[in-house]
Amino acid sequence: MWLEVFQILCDDPGTSCLFHLWLQLLGVRWSSIFFLYVENVARVKKLSLSGFMHYKLRTADQLFVQWPQLQNKYPRAHYAGSLM
């Protein structure tokens, strides 16, 4: 199966990890996809479980947080203000 995907933007913590696993099972070359994860605006003090997994396992090419204190706590995360 050939699937041409260039960018994926996920903001739902439950589906982002499953979507990543689903693409791997389909045999989609992950190196050709740019994966963005946007943490929920309700997460003020710490990342959700999915956000933490993406951060620690480095599965997301860019991880965006919507609070500056989260960017201070997780330096590889990007703070861009309120996105959603």
PDB file of N, CA and C in Angstrom:
ATOM      1  N   MET A   1       0.854  -1.185   0.000  1.00  0.00           N
ATOM      2  CA  MET A   1       0.000   0.000   0.000  1.00  0.00           C
ATOM      3  C   MET A   1       0.892   1.238   0.000  1.00  0.00           C
ATOM      4  N   TRP A   2       0.608   2.153  -0.883  1.00  0.00           N
ATOM      5  CA  TRP A   2       1.381   3.386  -0.981  1.00  0.00           C
ATOM      6  C   TRP A   2       0.535   4.531  -0.463  1.00  0.00           C
ATOM      7  N   LEU A   3       1.048   5.214   0.518  1.00  0.00           N
ATOM      8  CA  LEU A   3       0.359   6.344   1.124  1.00  0.00           C
ATOM      9  C   LEU A   3       1.335   7.497   1.157  1.00  0.00           C
ATOM     10  N   GLU A   4       0.979   8.588   0.523  1.00  0.00           N
ATOM     11  CA  GLU A   4       1.882   9.732   0.469  1.00  0.00           C
ATOM     12  C   GLU A   4       1.418  10.799   1.443  1.00  0.00           C
ATOM     13  N   VAL A   5       2.072  10.847   2.583  1.00  0.00           N
ATOM     14  CA  VAL A   5       1.746  11.794   3.637  1.00  0.00           C
ATOM     15  C   VAL A   5       3.014  12.566   3.956  1.00  0.00           C
ATOM     16  N   PHE A   6       2.875  13.864   4.105  1.00  0.00           N
ATOM     17  CA  PHE A   6       4.047  14.680   4.384  1.00  0.00           C
ATOM     18  C   PHE A   6       4.027  15.277   5.782  1.00  0.00           C
ATOM     19  N   GLN A   7       2.853  15.657   6.260  1.00  0.00           N
ATOM     20  CA  GLN A   7       2.761  16.261   7.589  1.00  0.00           C
ATOM     21  C   GLN A   7       1.553  15.702   8.314  1.00  0.00           C
ATOM     22  N   ILE A   8       1.730  15.474   9.604  1.00  0.00           N
ATOM     23  CA  ILE A   8       0.634  15.025  10.454  1.00  0.00           C
ATOM     24  C   ILE A   8       0.605  15.941  11.670  1.00  0.00           C
ATOM     25  N   LEU A   9      -0.568  16.483  11.974  1.00  0.00           N
ATOM     26  CA  LEU A   9      -0.757  17.338  13.136  1.00  0.00           C
ATOM     27  C   LEU A   9      -1.758  16.647  14.051  1.00  0.00           C
ATOM     28  N   CYS A  10      -1.333  16.296  15.259  1.00  0.00           N
ATOM     29  CA  CYS A  10      -2.206  15.637  16.224  1.00  0.00           C
ATOM     30  C   CYS A  10      -2.340  16.503  17.457  1.00  0.00           C
ATOM     31  N   ASP A  11      -3.573  16.612  17.932  1.00  0.00           N
ATOM     32  CA  ASP A  11      -3.794  17.337  19.180  1.00  0.00           C
ATOM     33  C   ASP A  11      -4.600  16.509  20.160  1.00  0.00           C
ATOM     34  N   ASP A  12      -5.023  15.336  19.761  1.00  0.00           N
ATOM     35  CA  ASP A  12      -5.794  14.475  20.641  1.00  0.00           C
ATOM     36  C   ASP A  12      -4.862  13.436  21.257  1.00  0.00           C
ATOM     37  N   PRO A  13      -4.707  13.430  22.576  1.00  0.00           N
ATOM     38  CA  PRO A  13      -3.738  12.540  23.186  1.00  0.00           C
ATOM     39  C   PRO A  13      -4.032  11.062  22.970  1.00  0.00           C
ATOM     40  N   GLY A  14      -5.297  10.691  22.901  1.00  0.00           N
ATOM     41  CA  GLY A  14      -5.613   9.279  22.759  1.00  0.00           C
ATOM     42  C   GLY A  14      -5.290   8.714  21.395  1.00  0.00           C
ATOM     43  N   THR A  15      -5.484   9.510  20.368  1.00  0.00           N
ATOM     44  CA  THR A  15      -5.309   8.979  19.019  1.00  0.00           C
ATOM     45  C   THR A  15      -3.904   9.156  18.461  1.00  0.00           C
ATOM     46  N   SER A  16      -3.124  10.052  18.987  1.00  0.00           N
ATOM     47  CA  SER A  16      -1.817  10.306  18.377  1.00  0.00           C
ATOM     48  C   SER A  16      -0.889   9.102  18.470  1.00  0.00           C
ATOM     49  N   CYS A  17      -0.853   8.453  19.619  1.00  0.00           N
ATOM     50  CA  CYS A  17       0.003   7.262  19.763  1.00  0.00           C
ATOM     51  C   CYS A  17      -0.527   6.116  18.918  1.00  0.00           C
ATOM     52  N   LEU A  18      -1.854   5.951  18.903  1.00  0.00           N
ATOM     53  CA  LEU A  18      -2.447   4.888  18.083  1.00  0.00           C
ATOM     54  C   LEU A  18      -2.241   5.141  16.598  1.00  0.00           C
ATOM     55  N   PHE A  19      -2.340   6.385  16.189  1.00  0.00           N
ATOM     56  CA  PHE A  19      -2.131   6.738  14.793  1.00  0.00           C
ATOM     57  C   PHE A  19      -0.689   6.451  14.368  1.00  0.00           C
ATOM     58  N   HIS A  20       0.252   6.764  15.237  1.00  0.00           N
ATOM     59  CA  HIS A  20       1.656   6.495  14.972  1.00  0.00           C
ATOM     60  C   HIS A  20       1.876   4.987  14.816  1.00  0.00           C
ATOM     61  N   LEU A  21       1.298   4.189  15.710  1.00  0.00           N
ATOM     62  CA  LEU A  21       1.412   2.731  15.637  1.00  0.00           C
ATOM     63  C   LEU A  21       0.747   2.200  14.375  1.00  0.00           C
ATOM     64  N   TRP A  22      -0.415   2.725  14.019  1.00  0.00           N
ATOM     65  CA  TRP A  22      -1.145   2.304  12.829  1.00  0.00           C
ATOM     66  C   TRP A  22      -0.316   2.539  11.567  1.00  0.00           C
ATOM     67  N   LEU A  23       0.335   3.691  11.474  1.00  0.00           N
ATOM     68  CA  LEU A  23       1.181   3.973  10.312  1.00  0.00           C
ATOM     69  C   LEU A  23       2.364   3.016  10.239  1.00  0.00           C
ATOM     70  N   GLN A  24       2.933   2.665  11.372  1.00  0.00           N
ATOM     71  CA  GLN A  24       4.043   1.717  11.367  1.00  0.00           C
ATOM     72  C   GLN A  24       3.581   0.340  10.925  1.00  0.00           C
ATOM     73  N   LEU A  25       2.382  -0.082  11.359  1.00  0.00           N
ATOM     74  CA  LEU A  25       1.852  -1.379  10.950  1.00  0.00           C
ATOM     75  C   LEU A  25       1.552  -1.428   9.460  1.00  0.00           C
ATOM     76  N   LEU A  26       1.164  -0.296   8.889  1.00  0.00           N
ATOM     77  CA  LEU A  26       0.910  -0.233   7.449  1.00  0.00           C
ATOM     78  C   LEU A  26       2.192  -0.196   6.633  1.00  0.00           C
ATOM     79  N   GLY A  27       3.306   0.004   7.306  1.00  0.00           N
ATOM     80  CA  GLY A  27       4.586   0.036   6.611  1.00  0.00           C
ATOM     81  C   GLY A  27       4.931   1.384   6.017  1.00  0.00           C
ATOM     82  N   VAL A  28       4.297   2.427   6.524  1.00  0.00           N
ATOM     83  CA  VAL A  28       4.598   3.765   6.042  1.00  0.00           C
ATOM     84  C   VAL A  28       5.975   4.164   6.563  1.00  0.00           C
ATOM     85  N   ARG A  29       6.811   4.655   5.679  1.00  0.00           N
ATOM     86  CA  ARG A  29       8.144   5.094   6.087  1.00  0.00           C
ATOM     87  C   ARG A  29       8.019   6.342   6.941  1.00  0.00           C
ATOM     88  N   TRP A  30       8.325   6.211   8.219  1.00  0.00           N
ATOM     89  CA  TRP A  30       8.147   7.306   9.155  1.00  0.00           C
ATOM     90  C   TRP A  30       9.103   8.455   8.887  1.00  0.00           C
ATOM     91  N   SER A  31      10.245   8.183   8.278  1.00  0.00           N
ATOM     92  CA  SER A  31      11.225   9.247   8.047  1.00  0.00           C
ATOM     93  C   SER A  31      10.734  10.255   7.015  1.00  0.00           C
ATOM     94  N   SER A  32       9.743   9.885   6.213  1.00  0.00           N
ATOM     95  CA  SER A  32       9.246  10.805   5.196  1.00  0.00           C
ATOM     96  C   SER A  32       8.093  11.672   5.710  1.00  0.00           C
ATOM     97  N   ILE A  33       7.694  11.492   6.957  1.00  0.00           N
ATOM     98  CA  ILE A  33       6.556  12.216   7.524  1.00  0.00           C
ATOM     99  C   ILE A  33       7.043  13.180   8.596  1.00  0.00           C
ATOM    100  N   PHE A  34       6.514  14.384   8.579  1.00  0.00           N
ATOM    101  CA  PHE A  34       6.813  15.379   9.602  1.00  0.00           C
ATOM    102  C   PHE A  34       5.653  15.376  10.586  1.00  0.00           C
ATOM    103  N   PHE A  35       5.889  14.925  11.816  1.00  0.00           N
ATOM    104  CA  PHE A  35       4.844  14.718  12.805  1.00  0.00           C
ATOM    105  C   PHE A  35       4.871  15.823  13.853  1.00  0.00           C
ATOM    106  N   LEU A  36       3.763  16.560  13.957  1.00  0.00           N
ATOM    107  CA  LEU A  36       3.615  17.638  14.954  1.00  0.00           C
ATOM    108  C   LEU A  36       2.616  17.197  16.011  1.00  0.00           C
ATOM    109  N   TYR A  37       2.964  17.394  17.260  1.00  0.00           N
ATOM    110  CA  TYR A  37       2.043  17.093  18.357  1.00  0.00           C
ATOM    111  C   TYR A  37       1.795  18.374  19.138  1.00  0.00           C
ATOM    112  N   VAL A  38       0.529  18.721  19.309  1.00  0.00           N
ATOM    113  CA  VAL A  38       0.145  19.914  20.066  1.00  0.00           C
ATOM    114  C   VAL A  38      -0.504  19.449  21.364  1.00  0.00           C
ATOM    115  N   GLU A  39       0.115  19.806  22.485  1.00  0.00           N
ATOM    116  CA  GLU A  39      -0.427  19.419  23.785  1.00  0.00           C
ATOM    117  C   GLU A  39      -1.685  20.218  24.068  1.00  0.00           C
ATOM    118  N   ASN A  40      -2.602  19.610  24.763  1.00  0.00           N
ATOM    119  CA  ASN A  40      -3.883  20.210  25.107  1.00  0.00           C
ATOM    120  C   ASN A  40      -3.671  21.471  25.940  1.00  0.00           C
ATOM    121  N   VAL A  41      -4.498  22.477  25.705  1.00  0.00           N
ATOM    122  CA  VAL A  41      -4.389  23.749  26.423  1.00  0.00           C
ATOM    123  C   VAL A  41      -4.695  23.575  27.917  1.00  0.00           C
ATOM    124  N   ALA A  42      -5.405  22.525  28.280  1.00  0.00           N
ATOM    125  CA  ALA A  42      -5.726  22.283  29.684  1.00  0.00           C
ATOM    126  C   ALA A  42      -4.524  21.776  30.470  1.00  0.00           C
ATOM    127  N   ARG A  43      -3.478  21.353  29.792  1.00  0.00           N
ATOM    128  CA  ARG A  43      -2.273  20.868  30.469  1.00  0.00           C
ATOM    129  C   ARG A  43      -1.385  22.049  30.816  1.00  0.00           C
ATOM    130  N   VAL A  44      -1.403  22.439  32.077  1.00  0.00           N
ATOM    131  CA  VAL A  44      -0.686  23.634  32.522  1.00  0.00           C
ATOM    132  C   VAL A  44       0.603  23.271  33.253  1.00  0.00           C
ATOM    133  N   LYS A  45       0.573  22.223  34.085  1.00  0.00           N
ATOM    134  CA  LYS A  45       1.717  21.889  34.928  1.00  0.00           C
ATOM    135  C   LYS A  45       2.580  20.757  34.402  1.00  0.00           C
ATOM    136  N   LYS A  46       1.979  19.792  33.710  1.00  0.00           N
ATOM    137  CA  LYS A  46       2.757  18.678  33.171  1.00  0.00           C
ATOM    138  C   LYS A  46       2.096  18.166  31.901  1.00  0.00           C
ATOM    139  N   LEU A  47       2.865  17.428  31.116  1.00  0.00           N
ATOM    140  CA  LEU A  47       2.365  16.881  29.863  1.00  0.00           C
ATOM    141  C   LEU A  47       1.402  15.732  30.120  1.00  0.00           C
ATOM    142  N   SER A  48       0.516  15.496  29.174  1.00  0.00           N
ATOM    143  CA  SER A  48      -0.342  14.321  29.244  1.00  0.00           C
ATOM    144  C   SER A  48       0.523  13.081  29.033  1.00  0.00           C
ATOM    145  N   LEU A  49      -0.047  11.906  29.240  1.00  0.00           N
ATOM    146  CA  LEU A  49       0.711  10.678  29.056  1.00  0.00           C
ATOM    147  C   LEU A  49       1.203  10.556  27.621  1.00  0.00           C
ATOM    148  N   SER A  50       0.346  10.878  26.661  1.00  0.00           N
ATOM    149  CA  SER A  50       0.761  10.815  25.252  1.00  0.00           C
ATOM    150  C   SER A  50       1.841  11.844  24.944  1.00  0.00           C
ATOM    151  N   GLY A  51       1.667  13.051  25.451  1.00  0.00           N
ATOM    152  CA  GLY A  51       2.675  14.084  25.238  1.00  0.00           C
ATOM    153  C   GLY A  51       4.007  13.703  25.862  1.00  0.00           C
ATOM    154  N   PHE A  52       3.950  13.118  27.051  1.00  0.00           N
ATOM    155  CA  PHE A  52       5.175  12.680  27.726  1.00  0.00           C
ATOM    156  C   PHE A  52       5.858  11.561  26.941  1.00  0.00           C
ATOM    157  N   MET A  53       5.052  10.623  26.399  1.00  0.00           N
ATOM    158  CA  MET A  53       5.624   9.534  25.598  1.00  0.00           C
ATOM    159  C   MET A  53       6.278  10.077  24.332  1.00  0.00           C
ATOM    160  N   HIS A  54       5.590  11.002  23.651  1.00  0.00           N
ATOM    161  CA  HIS A  54       6.180  11.597  22.446  1.00  0.00           C
ATOM    162  C   HIS A  54       7.449  12.372  22.783  1.00  0.00           C
ATOM    163  N   TYR A  55       7.462  13.023  23.924  1.00  0.00           N
ATOM    164  CA  TYR A  55       8.637  13.798  24.336  1.00  0.00           C
ATOM    165  C   TYR A  55       9.815  12.873  24.661  1.00  0.00           C
ATOM    166  N   LYS A  56       9.577  11.861  25.473  1.00  0.00           N
ATOM    167  CA  LYS A  56      10.663  10.975  25.903  1.00  0.00           C
ATOM    168  C   LYS A  56      11.161  10.068  24.774  1.00  0.00           C
ATOM    169  N   LEU A  57      10.237   9.543  23.965  1.00  0.00           N
ATOM    170  CA  LEU A  57      10.619   8.631  22.883  1.00  0.00           C
ATOM    171  C   LEU A  57      11.025   9.362  21.612  1.00  0.00           C
ATOM    172  N   ARG A  58      10.833  10.678  21.603  1.00  0.00           N
ATOM    173  CA  ARG A  58      11.167  11.523  20.445  1.00  0.00           C
ATOM    174  C   ARG A  58      10.468  11.068  19.167  1.00  0.00           C
ATOM    175  N   THR A  59       9.213  10.661  19.294  1.00  0.00           N
ATOM    176  CA  THR A  59       8.453  10.229  18.120  1.00  0.00           C
ATOM    177  C   THR A  59       7.853  11.408  17.365  1.00  0.00           C
ATOM    178  N   ALA A  60       7.658  12.522  18.029  1.00  0.00           N
ATOM    179  CA  ALA A  60       7.152  13.716  17.351  1.00  0.00           C
ATOM    180  C   ALA A  60       8.333  14.574  16.906  1.00  0.00           C
ATOM    181  N   ASP A  61       8.264  15.050  15.671  1.00  0.00           N
ATOM    182  CA  ASP A  61       9.326  15.929  15.190  1.00  0.00           C
ATOM    183  C   ASP A  61       9.322  17.257  15.935  1.00  0.00           C
ATOM    184  N   GLN A  62       8.134  17.749  16.228  1.00  0.00           N
ATOM    185  CA  GLN A  62       7.999  18.953  17.052  1.00  0.00           C
ATOM    186  C   GLN A  62       6.826  18.776  17.987  1.00  0.00           C
ATOM    187  N   LEU A  63       7.029  19.137  19.238  1.00  0.00           N
ATOM    188  CA  LEU A  63       5.991  19.062  20.249  1.00  0.00           C
ATOM    189  C   LEU A  63       5.710  20.476  20.731  1.00  0.00           C
ATOM    190  N   PHE A  64       4.488  20.912  20.565  1.00  0.00           N
ATOM    191  CA  PHE A  64       4.101  22.266  20.950  1.00  0.00           C
ATOM    192  C   PHE A  64       3.312  22.241  22.254  1.00  0.00           C
ATOM    193  N   VAL A  65       3.642  23.146  23.157  1.00  0.00           N
ATOM    194  CA  VAL A  65       2.884  23.335  24.384  1.00  0.00           C
ATOM    195  C   VAL A  65       2.272  24.733  24.337  1.00  0.00           C
ATOM    196  N   GLN A  66       1.199  24.917  25.111  1.00  0.00           N
ATOM    197  CA  GLN A  66       0.479  26.178  25.040  1.00  0.00           C
ATOM    198  C   GLN A  66       0.625  27.015  26.307  1.00  0.00           C
ATOM    199  N   TRP A  67       1.569  26.629  27.166  1.00  0.00           N
ATOM    200  CA  TRP A  67       1.860  27.382  28.378  1.00  0.00           C
ATOM    201  C   TRP A  67       3.368  27.526  28.514  1.00  0.00           C
ATOM    202  N   PRO A  68       3.875  28.727  28.839  1.00  0.00           N
ATOM    203  CA  PRO A  68       5.327  28.931  28.911  1.00  0.00           C
ATOM    204  C   PRO A  68       6.009  28.110  30.004  1.00  0.00           C
ATOM    205  N   GLN A  69       5.314  27.832  31.114  1.00  0.00           N
ATOM    206  CA  GLN A  69       5.952  27.049  32.173  1.00  0.00           C
ATOM    207  C   GLN A  69       6.205  25.603  31.733  1.00  0.00           C
ATOM    208  N   LEU A  70       5.402  25.086  30.809  1.00  0.00           N
ATOM    209  CA  LEU A  70       5.667  23.747  30.276  1.00  0.00           C
ATOM    210  C   LEU A  70       6.909  23.752  29.394  1.00  0.00           C
ATOM    211  N   GLN A  71       7.107  24.815  28.658  1.00  0.00           N
ATOM    212  CA  GLN A  71       8.302  24.899  27.815  1.00  0.00           C
ATOM    213  C   GLN A  71       9.553  25.004  28.683  1.00  0.00           C
ATOM    214  N   ASN A  72       9.452  25.663  29.823  1.00  0.00           N
ATOM    215  CA  ASN A  72      10.585  25.737  30.748  1.00  0.00           C
ATOM    216  C   ASN A  72      10.889  24.373  31.357  1.00  0.00           C
ATOM    217  N   LYS A  73       9.844  23.594  31.634  1.00  0.00           N
ATOM    218  CA  LYS A  73      10.006  22.273  32.243  1.00  0.00           C
ATOM    219  C   LYS A  73      10.491  21.236  31.227  1.00  0.00           C
ATOM    220  N   TYR A  74      10.053  21.365  29.977  1.00  0.00           N
ATOM    221  CA  TYR A  74      10.426  20.442  28.903  1.00  0.00           C
ATOM    222  C   TYR A  74      11.107  21.252  27.799  1.00  0.00           C
ATOM    223  N   PRO A  75      12.422  21.409  27.844  1.00  0.00           N
ATOM    224  CA  PRO A  75      13.114  22.345  26.947  1.00  0.00           C
ATOM    225  C   PRO A  75      13.034  22.014  25.454  1.00  0.00           C
ATOM    226  N   ARG A  76      12.812  20.767  25.093  1.00  0.00           N
ATOM    227  CA  ARG A  76      12.698  20.442  23.662  1.00  0.00           C
ATOM    228  C   ARG A  76      11.329  20.789  23.099  1.00  0.00           C
ATOM    229  N   ALA A  77      10.379  21.101  23.972  1.00  0.00           N
ATOM    230  CA  ALA A  77       9.037  21.491  23.525  1.00  0.00           C
ATOM    231  C   ALA A  77       9.088  22.936  23.024  1.00  0.00           C
ATOM    232  N   HIS A  78       8.188  23.258  22.129  1.00  0.00           N
ATOM    233  CA  HIS A  78       8.110  24.608  21.564  1.00  0.00           C
ATOM    234  C   HIS A  78       6.874  25.308  22.118  1.00  0.00           C
ATOM    235  N   TYR A  79       7.049  26.534  22.573  1.00  0.00           N
ATOM    236  CA  TYR A  79       5.943  27.344  23.046  1.00  0.00           C
ATOM    237  C   TYR A  79       5.599  28.368  21.973  1.00  0.00           C
ATOM    238  N   ALA A  80       4.349  28.382  21.558  1.00  0.00           N
ATOM    239  CA  ALA A  80       3.924  29.331  20.533  1.00  0.00           C
ATOM    240  C   ALA A  80       2.641  30.043  20.943  1.00  0.00           C
ATOM    241  N   GLY A  81       2.359  30.077  22.219  1.00  0.00           N
ATOM    242  CA  GLY A  81       1.121  30.707  22.680  1.00  0.00           C
ATOM    243  C   GLY A  81      -0.053  29.778  22.497  1.00  0.00           C
ATOM    244  N   SER A  82      -1.245  30.339  22.517  1.00  0.00           N
ATOM    245  CA  SER A  82      -2.454  29.545  22.359  1.00  0.00           C
ATOM    246  C   SER A  82      -2.637  29.176  20.890  1.00  0.00           C
ATOM    247  N   LEU A  83      -2.670  27.890  20.603  1.00  0.00           N
ATOM    248  CA  LEU A  83      -2.785  27.428  19.221  1.00  0.00           C
ATOM    249  C   LEU A  83      -4.184  26.946  18.876  1.00  0.00           C
ATOM    250  N   MET A  84      -4.909  26.432  19.865  1.00  0.00           N
ATOM    251  CA  MET A  84      -6.245  25.877  19.573  1.00  0.00           C
ATOM    252  C   MET A  84      -7.218  26.305  20.622  1.00  0.00           C
TER     253      MET A  84
END
